[in-house]
C-alpha atoms as a PDB file:
ATOM      1  CA  MET A   1      11.533  -7.574  -7.841  1.00  0.00           C
ATOM      2  CA  CYS A   2       8.600  -9.693  -6.253  1.00  0.00           C
ATOM      3  CA  ALA A   3       5.321  -8.597  -5.682  1.00  0.00           C
ATOM      4  CA  GLU A   4       5.595  -8.431  -1.518  1.00  0.00           C
ATOM      5  CA  LYS A   5       8.504  -5.766  -2.081  1.00  0.00           C
ATOM      6  CA  ILE A   6       6.882  -3.758  -4.840  1.00  0.00           C
ATOM      7  CA  GLN A   7       3.802  -3.631  -2.155  1.00  0.00           C
ATOM      8  CA  ARG A   8       5.769  -2.132   0.355  1.00  0.00           C
ATOM      9  CA  PHE A   9       7.379   0.458  -1.602  1.00  0.00           C
ATOM     10  CA  LEU A  10       4.210   1.460  -3.263  1.00  0.00           C
ATOM     11  CA  MET A  11       2.370   1.822   0.689  1.00  0.00           C
ATOM     12  CA  ALA A  12       5.700   3.903   1.441  1.00  0.00           C
ATOM     13  CA  ALA A  13       5.333   5.928  -1.411  1.00  0.00           C
ATOM     14  CA  VAL A  14       1.538   6.486  -1.178  1.00  0.00           C
ATOM     15  CA  LEU A  15       2.313   7.538   2.707  1.00  0.00           C
ATOM     16  CA  THR A  16       5.018   9.628   1.823  1.00  0.00           C
ATOM     17  CA  ILE A  17       2.434  11.658  -0.692  1.00  0.00           C
ATOM     18  CA  ALA A  18       0.051  11.872   1.851  1.00  0.00           C
ATOM     19  CA  LEU A  19       2.665  13.432   4.730  1.00  0.00           C
ATOM     20  CA  PHE A  20       3.716  15.930   1.863  1.00  0.00           C
ATOM     21  CA  LEU A  21      -0.013  17.018   1.049  1.00  0.00           C
ATOM     22  CA  PHE A  22      -0.898  17.248   4.769  1.00  0.00           C
ATOM     23  CA  ALA A  23       2.337  19.655   4.913  1.00  0.00           C
ATOM     24  CA  ASP A  24       1.274  21.809   1.772  1.00  0.00           C
ATOM     25  CA  GLY A  25      -2.026  22.358   3.427  1.00  0.00           C
ATOM     26  CA  GLU A  26      -4.221  19.712   1.206  1.00  0.00           C
ATOM     27  CA  MET A  27      -6.148  18.055   4.124  1.00  0.00           C
ATOM     28  CA  LEU A  28      -8.914  16.870   2.052  1.00  0.00           C
ATOM     29  CA  TYR A  29      -6.810  15.051  -0.281  1.00  0.00           C
ATOM     30  CA  ALA A  30      -4.320  13.843   2.411  1.00  0.00           C
ATOM     31  CA  MET A  31      -6.960  12.463   4.518  1.00  0.00           C
ATOM     32  CA  ILE A  32      -8.836  10.422   1.437  1.00  0.00           C
ATOM     33  CA  LEU A  33      -5.460   8.985   0.564  1.00  0.00           C
ATOM     34  CA  GLN A  34      -4.608   8.297   4.132  1.00  0.00           C
ATOM     35  CA  THR A  35      -8.227   6.816   4.546  1.00  0.00           C
ATOM     36  CA  LEU A  36      -7.614   4.554   1.411  1.00  0.00           C
ATOM     37  CA  VAL A  37      -4.414   3.120   2.845  1.00  0.00           C
ATOM     38  CA  ILE A  38      -5.825   2.448   6.313  1.00  0.00           C
ATOM     39  CA  VAL A  39      -8.873   0.486   5.023  1.00  0.00           C
ATOM     40  CA  MET A  40      -6.627  -1.506   2.775  1.00  0.00           C
ATOM     41  CA  VAL A  41      -4.549  -2.379   5.671  1.00  0.00           C
ATOM     42  CA  ILE A  42      -8.126  -3.069   7.776  1.00  0.00           C
ATOM     43  CA  VAL A  43      -9.155  -5.607   4.986  1.00  0.00           C
ATOM     44  CA  TRP A  44      -5.561  -7.226   4.596  1.00  0.00           C
ATOM     45  CA  ALA A  45      -5.625  -7.831   8.319  1.00  0.00           C
ATOM     46  CA  LEU A  46      -9.137  -9.073   8.571  1.00  0.00           C
ATOM     47  CA  PHE A  47      -9.575 -11.216   5.738  1.00  0.00           C
ATOM     48  CA  ASP A  48      -5.770 -11.900   5.038  1.00  0.00           C
ATOM     49  CA  PHE A  49      -6.484 -10.804   1.394  1.00  0.00           C
ATOM     50  CA  CYS A  50      -4.862  -7.386  -0.264  1.00  0.00           C
ATOM     51  CA  PRO A  51      -6.179  -6.249  -3.462  1.00  0.00           C
ATOM     52  CA  SER A  52      -2.794  -4.720  -4.679  1.00  0.00           C
ATOM     53  CA  LEU A  53      -0.843  -7.599  -3.285  1.00  0.00           C
ATOM     54  CA  TRP A  54      -3.121 -10.276  -5.662  1.00  0.00           C
ATOM     55  CA  ILE A  55      -2.846  -7.713  -8.677  1.00  0.00           C
ATOM     56  CA  PHE A  56       1.242  -7.616  -8.108  1.00  0.00           C
ATOM     57  CA  LYS A  57       1.600 -11.700  -7.429  1.00  0.00           C
ATOM     58  CA  ARG A  58      -0.249 -12.168 -11.022  1.00  0.00           C
ATOM     59  CA  VAL A  59       1.994  -9.687 -12.347  1.00  0.00           C
ATOM     60  CA  PHE A  60       5.383  -9.953 -10.820  1.00  0.00           C
ATOM     61  CA  GLY A  61       5.386 -13.401  -8.967  1.00  0.00           C
ATOM     62  CA  LYS A  62       6.044 -14.469  -5.368  1.00  0.00           C
ATOM     63  CA  CYS A  63       9.145 -13.516  -3.685  1.00  0.00           C
ATOM     64  CA  PRO A  64      11.419 -16.558  -2.934  1.00  0.00           C
ATOM     65  CA  GLN A  65      11.546 -18.336   0.680  1.00  0.00           C
ATOM     66  CA  LYS A  66      14.051 -17.330   3.072  1.00  0.00           C
ATOM     67  CA  ASP A  67      15.518 -20.455   4.917  1.00  0.00           C
END
């Protein structure tokens, strides 16, 4: 698996965990987790840099380009 796909799965997993924390009444932890994801996406949008994607590309390599 390549870096971009792993990063998308990781983001989905983190948001799912935040959803379950909200459902379980753990509002503080859910809000902290969701805020971290939001900040990461804003940094990615503003500077075209995602720290997790940068690490995953070094470890797993880039996805091959589709035609």
